[in-house]
Amino acid sequence: MNMEAAASALESVGCLFCGDSETDALTRVRDLKFFTPGEFCLVRCRRCRLIYLNPRPSPAGIAAYYPKEYWSESVGELPDVYLDRATRHMVNAICRRYPGGRVLDVGCGTGGLVAYFRDRGMDAMGVEPMARPAQLAREAGLNVVTGYLAEAAFPDDSFDVITLVDVLEHTHDPVAVLAEARRVLKPGGMLMAKVPNISSLQARLMGPWWFALDVPRHLYHFSPATLRSALSRAGFRSVFARALPGVSGGLIFELSTLYWLRGLLLARRGITVPPVDERPASESLDGQVYASVPRAGKRAFRWCLRHLAYAPLSIENAIGRSVAIVGTGMK
C-alpha cells in the first residue's frame, strides 16, 4: 500500500479497555523520525486514563509507516536503549528461574533478544511480523517465524517464558496479544513486557518532541497503571508493572532534543524534507542541523546533552518516573 492510500485508511477507535469514546485530546504530533505525511492526535480516555492514537493507521495500512530504514541490519545485537541494565537484570533472572526453558520473543526484529537467551542456554525462538528482519535473523541461524503471534498458531502451553520488549505499543489490540501469549504459556510460566513510560518525567517535559512517542507506529502509550490493567484484562495473575531505572534515559533525552531541533528547522523550511543520497529524511535533516558545527563541536554538544542537560533529569530514576516500564504476569 502506498503512503497516500495508507493515509486515507486511518480508523477511529474507542478505548481499548472500556470502549468509551469520551476522550481528551492531549497533543497533535508529526512523524519526526521518517517524516511520513500527516498529523496524528494523542487522546486520553476520561474513564480509564489510557492514552492512544486516534484516529490511527488501520491494520492494512500500518506497514506503509515502517520504511526499510526502520529495521537495523545488525543481527543479534542489543543496544542499551533496547535492553538497558535494569531490563537485562530481569532477563538474566528469568534465565536463572527457568534454566534451559523454552522462550518466545514476540516482535523479535532481527533476533537480538533471541540470541541473548540462546547464548545463556535457553531454548529460544522468536516471531516477527515483518519479513525483512525475520529473514535476517534466520540467515544468522536464529529460530524465527515470520508472522504475528496469533498467526503462528502455537499449541497451548508451549513456552516457559514469553517476552515482548518494545512491542505492545505497536499493536492494534495489546490485550488480545497478551491473551494469546497467555494461552501459549505453560502453567506457572512468566510473561515479561517492556514499554515506554508515557508518565515519565521526560515525556512530560519534552511533550510532542519526546522520542518514544514515535507516531504513528506507537499506537498505545502506557503508564505503570495502564500496563497493569492490560495484563490483568488478559488474564494474568501476580501482575507487576513499574518504571525501572536504566541507562537509556540520557540517550532518549538526546534524541528528543534532536527532534526538537528538527522541529525548529522544519518551522523555517516547511515540513517536506526529501531524502538525500538514498538516506532517510531524518538523517538528511540531522545533517542540516549539524551542518555548521565542527566535528569537535558535535561531540561536545552530545556530551553536554547527556552529562549536563540530562543530569537534573536523572532524578527520574529515584522517583520512579524513568523512561521505561517493565511488567510481568504469571499464568
C-alpha atoms as a PDB file:
ATOM      1  CA  MET A   1       0.000   0.000   0.000  1.00  0.00           C
ATOM      2  CA  ASN A   2       1.396   3.427  -0.924  1.00  0.00           C
ATOM      3  CA  MET A   3       1.513   6.306   1.536  1.00  0.00           C
ATOM      4  CA  GLU A   4      -1.493   8.152   0.102  1.00  0.00           C
ATOM      5  CA  ALA A   5      -3.641   5.035   0.402  1.00  0.00           C
ATOM      6  CA  ALA A   6      -2.351   4.398   3.926  1.00  0.00           C
ATOM      7  CA  ALA A   7      -3.177   7.957   4.993  1.00  0.00           C
ATOM      8  CA  SER A   8      -6.734   7.529   3.698  1.00  0.00           C
ATOM      9  CA  ALA A   9      -7.076   4.264   5.630  1.00  0.00           C
ATOM     10  CA  LEU A  10      -6.944   5.830   9.096  1.00  0.00           C
ATOM     11  CA  GLU A  11      -9.504   4.399  11.507  1.00  0.00           C
ATOM     12  CA  SER A  12     -11.195   5.901  14.547  1.00  0.00           C
ATOM     13  CA  VAL A  13     -11.426   3.705  17.634  1.00  0.00           C
ATOM     14  CA  GLY A  14     -12.791   3.783  21.153  1.00  0.00           C
ATOM     15  CA  CYS A  15     -10.871   2.996  24.319  1.00  0.00           C
ATOM     16  CA  LEU A  16      -9.365  -0.492  24.265  1.00  0.00           C
ATOM     17  CA  PHE A  17     -10.223  -1.057  27.923  1.00  0.00           C
ATOM     18  CA  CYS A  18     -13.763   0.272  28.285  1.00  0.00           C
ATOM     19  CA  GLY A  19     -14.911   1.009  24.724  1.00  0.00           C
ATOM     20  CA  ASP A  20     -15.741   4.589  25.669  1.00  0.00           C
ATOM     21  CA  SER A  21     -15.276   7.295  23.042  1.00  0.00           C
ATOM     22  CA  GLU A  22     -15.161  10.143  25.563  1.00  0.00           C
ATOM     23  CA  THR A  23     -11.555  11.340  25.402  1.00  0.00           C
ATOM     24  CA  ASP A  24      -9.419  14.407  25.958  1.00  0.00           C
ATOM     25  CA  ALA A  25      -7.100  15.468  23.142  1.00  0.00           C
ATOM     26  CA  LEU A  26      -3.572  15.774  24.541  1.00  0.00           C
ATOM     27  CA  THR A  27      -1.427  16.897  21.609  1.00  0.00           C
ATOM     28  CA  ARG A  28      -1.004  16.664  17.854  1.00  0.00           C
ATOM     29  CA  VAL A  29       2.256  15.124  16.666  1.00  0.00           C
ATOM     30  CA  ARG A  30       4.025  14.637  13.346  1.00  0.00           C
ATOM     31  CA  ASP A  31       6.349  11.805  12.410  1.00  0.00           C
ATOM     32  CA  LEU A  32       9.718  13.443  13.088  1.00  0.00           C
ATOM     33  CA  LYS A  33      11.593  10.189  12.575  1.00  0.00           C
ATOM     34  CA  PHE A  34      10.761   9.396   8.948  1.00  0.00           C
ATOM     35  CA  PHE A  35       8.581  12.399   8.003  1.00  0.00           C
ATOM     36  CA  THR A  36       5.687  10.345   6.734  1.00  0.00           C
ATOM     37  CA  PRO A  37       2.848  12.743   5.865  1.00  0.00           C
ATOM     38  CA  GLY A  38       0.071  13.684   8.219  1.00  0.00           C
ATOM     39  CA  GLU A  39      -0.516  14.876  11.751  1.00  0.00           C
ATOM     40  CA  PHE A  40      -1.687  12.497  14.459  1.00  0.00           C
ATOM     41  CA  CYS A  41      -3.644  13.111  17.649  1.00  0.00           C
ATOM     42  CA  LEU A  42      -2.916  11.577  21.047  1.00  0.00           C
ATOM     43  CA  VAL A  43      -6.011  11.207  23.219  1.00  0.00           C
ATOM     44  CA  ARG A  44      -6.654  10.008  26.778  1.00  0.00           C
ATOM     45  CA  CYS A  45      -9.731   8.076  27.854  1.00  0.00           C
ATOM     46  CA  ARG A  46     -11.580  10.027  30.534  1.00  0.00           C
ATOM     47  CA  ARG A  47     -12.604   6.832  32.322  1.00  0.00           C
ATOM     48  CA  CYS A  48      -9.560   4.519  32.043  1.00  0.00           C
ATOM     49  CA  ARG A  49      -6.798   7.120  31.515  1.00  0.00           C
ATOM     50  CA  LEU A  50      -5.384   5.013  28.671  1.00  0.00           C
ATOM     51  CA  ILE A  51      -3.508   7.140  26.117  1.00  0.00           C
ATOM     52  CA  TYR A  52      -3.679   6.159  22.465  1.00  0.00           C
ATOM     53  CA  LEU A  53      -3.518   7.417  18.880  1.00  0.00           C
ATOM     54  CA  ASN A  54      -6.904   8.316  17.403  1.00  0.00           C
ATOM     55  CA  PRO A  55      -7.508   8.157  14.505  1.00  0.00           C
ATOM     56  CA  ARG A  56      -4.745   5.705  13.694  1.00  0.00           C
ATOM     57  CA  PRO A  57      -3.398   3.662  10.761  1.00  0.00           C
ATOM     58  CA  SER A  58      -5.502   0.585  10.096  1.00  0.00           C
ATOM     59  CA  PRO A  59      -4.013  -2.917  10.278  1.00  0.00           C
ATOM     60  CA  ALA A  60      -3.996  -2.955   6.470  1.00  0.00           C
ATOM     61  CA  GLY A  61      -2.190   0.378   6.230  1.00  0.00           C
ATOM     62  CA  ILE A  62       0.289   0.343   9.117  1.00  0.00           C
ATOM     63  CA  ALA A  63       3.133  -1.286   7.149  1.00  0.00           C
ATOM     64  CA  ALA A  64       3.447   1.840   4.991  1.00  0.00           C
ATOM     65  CA  TYR A  65       4.697   3.719   8.057  1.00  0.00           C
ATOM     66  CA  TYR A  66       7.618   1.311   8.552  1.00  0.00           C
ATOM     67  CA  PRO A  67      10.174   2.230   5.865  1.00  0.00           C
ATOM     68  CA  LYS A  68      13.078  -0.103   5.257  1.00  0.00           C
ATOM     69  CA  GLU A  69      15.355   2.189   7.305  1.00  0.00           C
ATOM     70  CA  TYR A  70      13.326   1.371  10.428  1.00  0.00           C
ATOM     71  CA  TRP A  71      14.969  -2.023  10.784  1.00  0.00           C
ATOM     72  CA  SER A  72      18.569  -2.391  11.809  1.00  0.00           C
ATOM     73  CA  GLU A  73      20.618  -4.682   9.585  1.00  0.00           C
ATOM     74  CA  SER A  74      22.574  -5.806  12.669  1.00  0.00           C
ATOM     75  CA  VAL A  75      21.598  -9.276  13.818  1.00  0.00           C
ATOM     76  CA  GLY A  76      21.899 -10.481  17.402  1.00  0.00           C
ATOM     77  CA  GLU A  77      22.881  -7.098  18.878  1.00  0.00           C
ATOM     78  CA  LEU A  78      21.155  -5.420  21.807  1.00  0.00           C
ATOM     79  CA  PRO A  79      21.762  -1.662  22.116  1.00  0.00           C
ATOM     80  CA  ASP A  80      21.339  -0.178  25.578  1.00  0.00           C
ATOM     81  CA  VAL A  81      18.180   1.703  24.592  1.00  0.00           C
ATOM     82  CA  TYR A  82      16.584  -1.689  23.760  1.00  0.00           C
ATOM     83  CA  LEU A  83      17.744  -3.720  26.756  1.00  0.00           C
ATOM     84  CA  ASP A  84      19.277  -1.471  29.397  1.00  0.00           C
ATOM     85  CA  ARG A  85      20.830  -2.547  32.681  1.00  0.00           C
ATOM     86  CA  ALA A  86      17.639  -2.937  34.693  1.00  0.00           C
ATOM     87  CA  THR A  87      15.874  -4.920  31.969  1.00  0.00           C
ATOM     88  CA  ARG A  88      18.969  -7.021  31.349  1.00  0.00           C
ATOM     89  CA  HIS A  89      18.963  -7.868  35.068  1.00  0.00           C
ATOM     90  CA  MET A  90      15.383  -9.121  34.783  1.00  0.00           C
ATOM     91  CA  VAL A  91      16.207 -11.167  31.670  1.00  0.00           C
ATOM     92  CA  ASN A  92      19.140 -12.776  33.478  1.00  0.00           C
ATOM     93  CA  ALA A  93      16.856 -13.520  36.432  1.00  0.00           C
ATOM     94  CA  ILE A  94      14.473 -15.272  34.028  1.00  0.00           C
ATOM     95  CA  CYS A  95      17.349 -17.443  32.793  1.00  0.00           C
ATOM     96  CA  ARG A  96      18.128 -18.435  36.383  1.00  0.00           C
ATOM     97  CA  ARG A  97      14.486 -19.156  37.223  1.00  0.00           C
ATOM     98  CA  TYR A  98      13.816 -21.224  34.088  1.00  0.00           C
ATOM     99  CA  PRO A  99      17.214 -22.758  33.233  1.00  0.00           C
ATOM    100  CA  GLY A 100      17.123 -24.324  29.786  1.00  0.00           C
ATOM    101  CA  GLY A 101      13.480 -23.333  29.453  1.00  0.00           C
ATOM    102  CA  ARG A 102      11.621 -22.634  26.245  1.00  0.00           C
ATOM    103  CA  VAL A 103      11.418 -18.900  25.487  1.00  0.00           C
ATOM    104  CA  LEU A 104       9.487 -16.988  22.825  1.00  0.00           C
ATOM    105  CA  ASP A 105      10.341 -13.373  21.985  1.00  0.00           C
ATOM    106  CA  VAL A 106       7.356 -11.707  20.305  1.00  0.00           C
ATOM    107  CA  GLY A 107       8.204  -8.970  17.812  1.00  0.00           C
ATOM    108  CA  CYS A 108      11.823 -10.067  17.885  1.00  0.00           C
ATOM    109  CA  GLY A 109      13.079  -7.916  14.989  1.00  0.00           C
ATOM    110  CA  THR A 110      16.436  -9.227  13.838  1.00  0.00           C
ATOM    111  CA  GLY A 111      16.657 -11.518  16.853  1.00  0.00           C
ATOM    112  CA  GLY A 112      18.819  -9.688  19.380  1.00  0.00           C
ATOM    113  CA  LEU A 113      16.972 -10.994  22.421  1.00  0.00           C
ATOM    114  CA  VAL A 114      16.573 -14.464  20.900  1.00  0.00           C
ATOM    115  CA  ALA A 115      20.371 -14.655  20.552  1.00  0.00           C
ATOM    116  CA  TYR A 116      20.819 -13.304  24.092  1.00  0.00           C
ATOM    117  CA  PHE A 117      18.636 -16.066  25.547  1.00  0.00           C
ATOM    118  CA  ARG A 118      20.184 -18.747  23.336  1.00  0.00           C
ATOM    119  CA  ASP A 119      23.688 -17.801  24.442  1.00  0.00           C
ATOM    120  CA  ARG A 120      22.578 -18.359  28.048  1.00  0.00           C
ATOM    121  CA  GLY A 121      21.398 -21.894  27.470  1.00  0.00           C
ATOM    122  CA  MET A 122      17.716 -21.242  26.811  1.00  0.00           C
ATOM    123  CA  ASP A 123      15.687 -22.915  24.047  1.00  0.00           C
ATOM    124  CA  ALA A 124      14.844 -19.605  22.382  1.00  0.00           C
ATOM    125  CA  MET A 125      12.843 -18.659  19.321  1.00  0.00           C
ATOM    126  CA  GLY A 126      11.129 -15.543  18.015  1.00  0.00           C
ATOM    127  CA  VAL A 127       8.139 -14.433  15.993  1.00  0.00           C
ATOM    128  CA  GLU A 128       8.360 -11.285  13.844  1.00  0.00           C
ATOM    129  CA  PRO A 129       5.618  -9.849  11.586  1.00  0.00           C
ATOM    130  CA  MET A 130       7.948  -8.012   9.186  1.00  0.00           C
ATOM    131  CA  ALA A 131       9.571 -10.230   6.559  1.00  0.00           C
ATOM    132  CA  ARG A 132      12.958  -8.497   6.214  1.00  0.00           C
ATOM    133  CA  PRO A 133      14.140  -8.580   9.859  1.00  0.00           C
ATOM    134  CA  ALA A 134      12.806 -12.122  10.265  1.00  0.00           C
ATOM    135  CA  GLN A 135      14.784 -13.204   7.209  1.00  0.00           C
ATOM    136  CA  LEU A 136      17.967 -11.599   8.556  1.00  0.00           C
ATOM    137  CA  ALA A 137      17.517 -13.437  11.856  1.00  0.00           C
ATOM    138  CA  ARG A 138      17.083 -16.785  10.128  1.00  0.00           C
ATOM    139  CA  GLU A 139      20.127 -16.164   7.938  1.00  0.00           C
ATOM    140  CA  ALA A 140      22.090 -15.706  11.173  1.00  0.00           C
ATOM    141  CA  GLY A 141      20.972 -19.133  12.365  1.00  0.00           C
ATOM    142  CA  LEU A 142      18.231 -17.999  14.743  1.00  0.00           C
ATOM    143  CA  ASN A 143      14.891 -19.774  15.060  1.00  0.00           C
ATOM    144  CA  VAL A 144      12.474 -17.042  13.969  1.00  0.00           C
ATOM    145  CA  VAL A 145       9.000 -17.402  12.441  1.00  0.00           C
ATOM    146  CA  THR A 146       7.557 -14.708  10.170  1.00  0.00           C
ATOM    147  CA  GLY A 147       4.084 -13.508  11.160  1.00  0.00           C
ATOM    148  CA  TYR A 148       2.037 -12.214  14.053  1.00  0.00           C
ATOM    149  CA  LEU A 149       1.765 -14.213  17.263  1.00  0.00           C
ATOM    150  CA  ALA A 150      -1.799 -15.361  16.546  1.00  0.00           C
ATOM    151  CA  GLU A 151      -0.832 -16.422  13.013  1.00  0.00           C
ATOM    152  CA  ALA A 152       1.934 -18.654  14.359  1.00  0.00           C
ATOM    153  CA  ALA A 153      -0.786 -20.809  15.981  1.00  0.00           C
ATOM    154  CA  PHE A 154       1.442 -22.333  18.647  1.00  0.00           C
ATOM    155  CA  PRO A 155      -0.169 -25.120  20.694  1.00  0.00           C
ATOM    156  CA  ASP A 156      -1.434 -24.387  24.196  1.00  0.00           C
ATOM    157  CA  ASP A 157       1.143 -24.457  26.997  1.00  0.00           C
ATOM    158  CA  SER A 158       4.167 -24.256  24.670  1.00  0.00           C
ATOM    159  CA  PHE A 159       6.562 -21.872  26.439  1.00  0.00           C
ATOM    160  CA  ASP A 160       8.024 -21.283  29.880  1.00  0.00           C
ATOM    161  CA  VAL A 161       8.664 -17.588  29.180  1.00  0.00           C
ATOM    162  CA  ILE A 162       7.332 -15.053  26.669  1.00  0.00           C
ATOM    163  CA  THR A 163       8.900 -11.620  26.219  1.00  0.00           C
ATOM    164  CA  LEU A 164       7.561  -8.536  24.448  1.00  0.00           C
ATOM    165  CA  VAL A 165      10.224  -5.832  24.525  1.00  0.00           C
ATOM    166  CA  ASP A 166       9.082  -2.533  22.971  1.00  0.00           C
ATOM    167  CA  VAL A 167       6.280  -4.370  21.157  1.00  0.00           C
ATOM    168  CA  LEU A 168       2.880  -3.804  22.808  1.00  0.00           C
ATOM    169  CA  GLU A 169       2.796  -0.115  21.904  1.00  0.00           C
ATOM    170  CA  HIS A 170       2.938  -1.097  18.206  1.00  0.00           C
ATOM    171  CA  THR A 171      -0.043  -3.468  18.291  1.00  0.00           C
ATOM    172  CA  HIS A 172      -3.646  -2.675  17.380  1.00  0.00           C
ATOM    173  CA  ASP A 173      -5.014  -4.712  20.315  1.00  0.00           C
ATOM    174  CA  PRO A 174      -2.453  -5.168  23.111  1.00  0.00           C
ATOM    175  CA  VAL A 175      -4.908  -7.048  25.346  1.00  0.00           C
ATOM    176  CA  ALA A 176      -5.611  -9.611  22.605  1.00  0.00           C
ATOM    177  CA  VAL A 177      -1.864 -10.057  22.055  1.00  0.00           C
ATOM    178  CA  LEU A 178      -1.341 -10.585  25.780  1.00  0.00           C
ATOM    179  CA  ALA A 179      -4.244 -13.044  25.949  1.00  0.00           C
ATOM    180  CA  GLU A 180      -2.777 -15.081  23.076  1.00  0.00           C
ATOM    181  CA  ALA A 181       0.602 -15.035  24.823  1.00  0.00           C
ATOM    182  CA  ARG A 182      -1.050 -16.339  27.985  1.00  0.00           C
ATOM    183  CA  ARG A 183      -2.678 -19.164  26.014  1.00  0.00           C
ATOM    184  CA  VAL A 184       0.661 -20.477  24.760  1.00  0.00           C
ATOM    185  CA  LEU A 185       2.397 -20.095  28.132  1.00  0.00           C
ATOM    186  CA  LYS A 186       2.787 -23.174  30.293  1.00  0.00           C
ATOM    187  CA  PRO A 187       1.094 -23.140  33.721  1.00  0.00           C
ATOM    188  CA  GLY A 188       3.492 -21.327  36.023  1.00  0.00           C
ATOM    189  CA  GLY A 189       5.069 -19.581  33.054  1.00  0.00           C
ATOM    190  CA  MET A 190       6.002 -15.900  33.016  1.00  0.00           C
ATOM    191  CA  LEU A 191       5.401 -13.072  30.574  1.00  0.00           C
ATOM    192  CA  MET A 192       7.648 -10.011  30.581  1.00  0.00           C
ATOM    193  CA  ALA A 193       6.732  -6.842  28.675  1.00  0.00           C
ATOM    194  CA  LYS A 194       8.725  -3.628  28.343  1.00  0.00           C
ATOM    195  CA  VAL A 195       7.154  -0.399  27.037  1.00  0.00           C
ATOM    196  CA  PRO A 196       7.958   3.328  27.059  1.00  0.00           C
ATOM    197  CA  ASN A 197       6.579   5.216  30.059  1.00  0.00           C
ATOM    198  CA  ILE A 198       4.179   7.972  28.982  1.00  0.00           C
ATOM    199  CA  SER A 199       4.052   9.197  32.602  1.00  0.00           C
ATOM    200  CA  SER A 200       7.840   9.636  32.763  1.00  0.00           C
ATOM    201  CA  LEU A 201       9.420  12.950  33.629  1.00  0.00           C
ATOM    202  CA  GLN A 202      10.932  13.182  30.149  1.00  0.00           C
ATOM    203  CA  ALA A 203       7.611  12.578  28.398  1.00  0.00           C
ATOM    204  CA  ARG A 204       6.030  15.438  30.304  1.00  0.00           C
ATOM    205  CA  LEU A 205       8.984  17.755  29.725  1.00  0.00           C
ATOM    206  CA  MET A 206       9.501  17.075  26.001  1.00  0.00           C
ATOM    207  CA  GLY A 207       5.819  16.888  25.057  1.00  0.00           C
ATOM    208  CA  PRO A 208       5.315  16.309  21.301  1.00  0.00           C
ATOM    209  CA  TRP A 209       9.089  16.079  20.796  1.00  0.00           C
ATOM    210  CA  TRP A 210       9.531  13.045  23.048  1.00  0.00           C
ATOM    211  CA  PHE A 211      11.413  10.405  21.077  1.00  0.00           C
ATOM    212  CA  ALA A 212       9.359   7.462  22.361  1.00  0.00           C
ATOM    213  CA  LEU A 213       6.061   8.837  21.031  1.00  0.00           C
ATOM    214  CA  ASP A 214       7.193   7.568  17.595  1.00  0.00           C
ATOM    215  CA  VAL A 215       3.900   8.327  15.850  1.00  0.00           C
ATOM    216  CA  PRO A 216       2.197   6.758  14.032  1.00  0.00           C
ATOM    217  CA  ARG A 217       3.995   3.485  14.781  1.00  0.00           C
ATOM    218  CA  HIS A 218       3.270   3.625  18.527  1.00  0.00           C
ATOM    219  CA  LEU A 219      -0.499   3.232  18.782  1.00  0.00           C
ATOM    220  CA  TYR A 220      -0.740   2.975  22.594  1.00  0.00           C
ATOM    221  CA  HIS A 221       1.179   4.765  25.339  1.00  0.00           C
ATOM    222  CA  PHE A 222       1.272   3.092  28.734  1.00  0.00           C
ATOM    223  CA  SER A 223       1.787   4.187  32.313  1.00  0.00           C
ATOM    224  CA  PRO A 224       2.526   1.583  35.008  1.00  0.00           C
ATOM    225  CA  ALA A 225      -1.175   1.606  35.943  1.00  0.00           C
ATOM    226  CA  THR A 226      -2.473   1.052  32.409  1.00  0.00           C
ATOM    227  CA  LEU A 227       0.109  -1.674  31.716  1.00  0.00           C
ATOM    228  CA  ARG A 228      -1.021  -3.486  34.882  1.00  0.00           C
ATOM    229  CA  SER A 229      -4.604  -3.124  33.692  1.00  0.00           C
ATOM    230  CA  ALA A 230      -3.761  -4.608  30.283  1.00  0.00           C
ATOM    231  CA  LEU A 231      -2.046  -7.608  31.893  1.00  0.00           C
ATOM    232  CA  SER A 232      -4.945  -8.200  34.276  1.00  0.00           C
ATOM    233  CA  ARG A 233      -7.540  -7.917  31.489  1.00  0.00           C
ATOM    234  CA  ALA A 234      -5.612 -10.573  29.555  1.00  0.00           C
ATOM    235  CA  GLY A 235      -5.991 -12.975  32.488  1.00  0.00           C
ATOM    236  CA  PHE A 236      -2.543 -12.847  34.084  1.00  0.00           C
ATOM    237  CA  ARG A 237      -2.099 -13.201  37.834  1.00  0.00           C
ATOM    238  CA  SER A 238       0.587 -11.794  40.155  1.00  0.00           C
ATOM    239  CA  VAL A 239       0.726  -8.768  37.862  1.00  0.00           C
ATOM    240  CA  PHE A 240       3.625  -6.363  38.362  1.00  0.00           C
ATOM    241  CA  ALA A 241       4.464  -3.185  36.452  1.00  0.00           C
ATOM    242  CA  ARG A 242       6.675  -0.281  37.424  1.00  0.00           C
ATOM    243  CA  ALA A 243       9.123   2.184  35.966  1.00  0.00           C
ATOM    244  CA  LEU A 244      12.615   0.797  36.396  1.00  0.00           C
ATOM    245  CA  PRO A 245      15.838   2.800  36.481  1.00  0.00           C
ATOM    246  CA  GLY A 246      18.029   2.334  33.441  1.00  0.00           C
ATOM    247  CA  VAL A 247      20.834   3.827  31.409  1.00  0.00           C
ATOM    248  CA  SER A 248      18.751   4.648  28.320  1.00  0.00           C
ATOM    249  CA  GLY A 249      17.288   7.888  29.668  1.00  0.00           C
ATOM    250  CA  GLY A 250      20.224  10.034  28.571  1.00  0.00           C
ATOM    251  CA  LEU A 251      20.113   8.694  25.027  1.00  0.00           C
ATOM    252  CA  ILE A 252      16.354   9.176  24.741  1.00  0.00           C
ATOM    253  CA  PHE A 253      16.722  12.730  26.051  1.00  0.00           C
ATOM    254  CA  GLU A 254      19.385  13.393  23.413  1.00  0.00           C
ATOM    255  CA  LEU A 255      17.170  12.026  20.646  1.00  0.00           C
ATOM    256  CA  SER A 256      14.178  14.014  21.911  1.00  0.00           C
ATOM    257  CA  THR A 257      16.287  17.176  21.865  1.00  0.00           C
ATOM    258  CA  LEU A 258      17.279  16.398  18.295  1.00  0.00           C
ATOM    259  CA  TYR A 259      13.593  16.050  17.417  1.00  0.00           C
ATOM    260  CA  TRP A 260      13.034  19.498  18.902  1.00  0.00           C
ATOM    261  CA  LEU A 261      15.874  20.924  16.812  1.00  0.00           C
ATOM    262  CA  ARG A 262      14.415  19.253  13.743  1.00  0.00           C
ATOM    263  CA  GLY A 263      11.106  20.912  14.526  1.00  0.00           C
ATOM    264  CA  LEU A 264      12.727  24.344  14.685  1.00  0.00           C
ATOM    265  CA  LEU A 265      14.342  23.783  11.309  1.00  0.00           C
ATOM    266  CA  LEU A 266      11.106  22.457   9.847  1.00  0.00           C
ATOM    267  CA  ALA A 267       9.288  25.582  11.009  1.00  0.00           C
ATOM    268  CA  ARG A 268      11.723  27.655   8.958  1.00  0.00           C
ATOM    269  CA  ARG A 269      11.881  25.436   5.878  1.00  0.00           C
ATOM    270  CA  GLY A 270       8.493  23.748   5.682  1.00  0.00           C
ATOM    271  CA  ILE A 271       7.538  20.208   6.578  1.00  0.00           C
ATOM    272  CA  THR A 272       8.769  18.364   3.483  1.00  0.00           C
ATOM    273  CA  VAL A 273      12.408  17.280   3.786  1.00  0.00           C
ATOM    274  CA  PRO A 274      13.401  14.891   0.975  1.00  0.00           C
ATOM    275  CA  PRO A 275      15.955  12.110   1.450  1.00  0.00           C
ATOM    276  CA  VAL A 276      19.472  12.807   0.230  1.00  0.00           C
ATOM    277  CA  ASP A 277      21.648  10.136  -1.432  1.00  0.00           C
ATOM    278  CA  GLU A 278      19.078   7.459  -0.515  1.00  0.00           C
ATOM    279  CA  ARG A 279      19.369   8.278   3.183  1.00  0.00           C
ATOM    280  CA  PRO A 280      16.139   8.647   5.177  1.00  0.00           C
ATOM    281  CA  ALA A 281      14.816  12.171   5.533  1.00  0.00           C
ATOM    282  CA  SER A 282      15.627  12.240   9.257  1.00  0.00           C
ATOM    283  CA  GLU A 283      19.342  11.674   8.581  1.00  0.00           C
ATOM    284  CA  SER A 284      19.300  14.315   5.856  1.00  0.00           C
ATOM    285  CA  LEU A 285      17.769  16.820   8.241  1.00  0.00           C
ATOM    286  CA  ASP A 286      20.213  15.909  11.009  1.00  0.00           C
ATOM    287  CA  GLY A 287      22.999  16.762   8.598  1.00  0.00           C
ATOM    288  CA  GLN A 288      21.462  20.193   8.129  1.00  0.00           C
ATOM    289  CA  VAL A 289      21.026  20.678  11.868  1.00  0.00           C
ATOM    290  CA  TYR A 290      24.742  19.985  12.388  1.00  0.00           C
ATOM    291  CA  ALA A 291      25.958  21.474   9.091  1.00  0.00           C
ATOM    292  CA  SER A 292      27.807  24.440  10.572  1.00  0.00           C
ATOM    293  CA  VAL A 293      29.088  22.631  13.669  1.00  0.00           C
ATOM    294  CA  PRO A 294      32.693  21.313  13.613  1.00  0.00           C
ATOM    295  CA  ARG A 295      33.210  17.659  14.480  1.00  0.00           C
ATOM    296  CA  ALA A 296      34.630  18.517  17.905  1.00  0.00           C
ATOM    297  CA  GLY A 297      31.623  20.747  18.497  1.00  0.00           C
ATOM    298  CA  LYS A 298      29.265  17.884  17.702  1.00  0.00           C
ATOM    299  CA  ARG A 299      30.999  15.681  20.249  1.00  0.00           C
ATOM    300  CA  ALA A 300      30.808  18.466  22.823  1.00  0.00           C
ATOM    301  CA  PHE A 301      27.125  19.001  22.039  1.00  0.00           C
ATOM    302  CA  ARG A 302      26.334  15.315  22.592  1.00  0.00           C
ATOM    303  CA  TRP A 303      28.440  15.178  25.770  1.00  0.00           C
ATOM    304  CA  CYS A 304      26.704  18.252  27.214  1.00  0.00           C
ATOM    305  CA  LEU A 305      23.268  16.853  26.448  1.00  0.00           C
ATOM    306  CA  ARG A 306      23.943  13.533  28.135  1.00  0.00           C
ATOM    307  CA  HIS A 307      26.035  14.701  31.097  1.00  0.00           C
ATOM    308  CA  LEU A 308      24.906  18.262  31.831  1.00  0.00           C
ATOM    309  CA  ALA A 309      21.451  18.914  30.398  1.00  0.00           C
ATOM    310  CA  TYR A 310      20.216  15.438  31.340  1.00  0.00           C
ATOM    311  CA  ALA A 311      21.818  15.429  34.799  1.00  0.00           C
ATOM    312  CA  PRO A 312      18.887  17.186  36.549  1.00  0.00           C
ATOM    313  CA  LEU A 313      16.535  14.686  34.914  1.00  0.00           C
ATOM    314  CA  SER A 314      18.399  11.742  36.415  1.00  0.00           C
ATOM    315  CA  ILE A 315      16.108  12.243  39.401  1.00  0.00           C
ATOM    316  CA  GLU A 316      13.508  10.406  37.294  1.00  0.00           C
ATOM    317  CA  ASN A 317      15.119   7.113  38.309  1.00  0.00           C
ATOM    318  CA  ALA A 318      14.951   7.964  42.003  1.00  0.00           C
ATOM    319  CA  ILE A 319      11.282   8.965  41.956  1.00  0.00           C
ATOM    320  CA  GLY A 320      10.065   6.117  39.744  1.00  0.00           C
ATOM    321  CA  ARG A 321       9.430   8.257  36.662  1.00  0.00           C
ATOM    322  CA  SER A 322      12.063   6.799  34.330  1.00  0.00           C
ATOM    323  CA  VAL A 323      11.501   6.312  30.613  1.00  0.00           C
ATOM    324  CA  ALA A 324      10.765   2.568  30.558  1.00  0.00           C
ATOM    325  CA  ILE A 325       8.252   0.297  32.273  1.00  0.00           C
ATOM    326  CA  VAL A 326       8.727  -3.419  32.786  1.00  0.00           C
ATOM    327  CA  GLY A 327       5.665  -5.501  33.524  1.00  0.00           C
ATOM    328  CA  THR A 328       5.327  -9.185  34.361  1.00  0.00           C
ATOM    329  CA  GLY A 329       2.460 -11.602  34.765  1.00  0.00           C
ATOM    330  CA  MET A 330       2.156 -15.282  35.659  1.00  0.00           C
ATOM    331  CA  LYS A 331      -0.135 -17.911  34.194  1.00  0.00           C
END
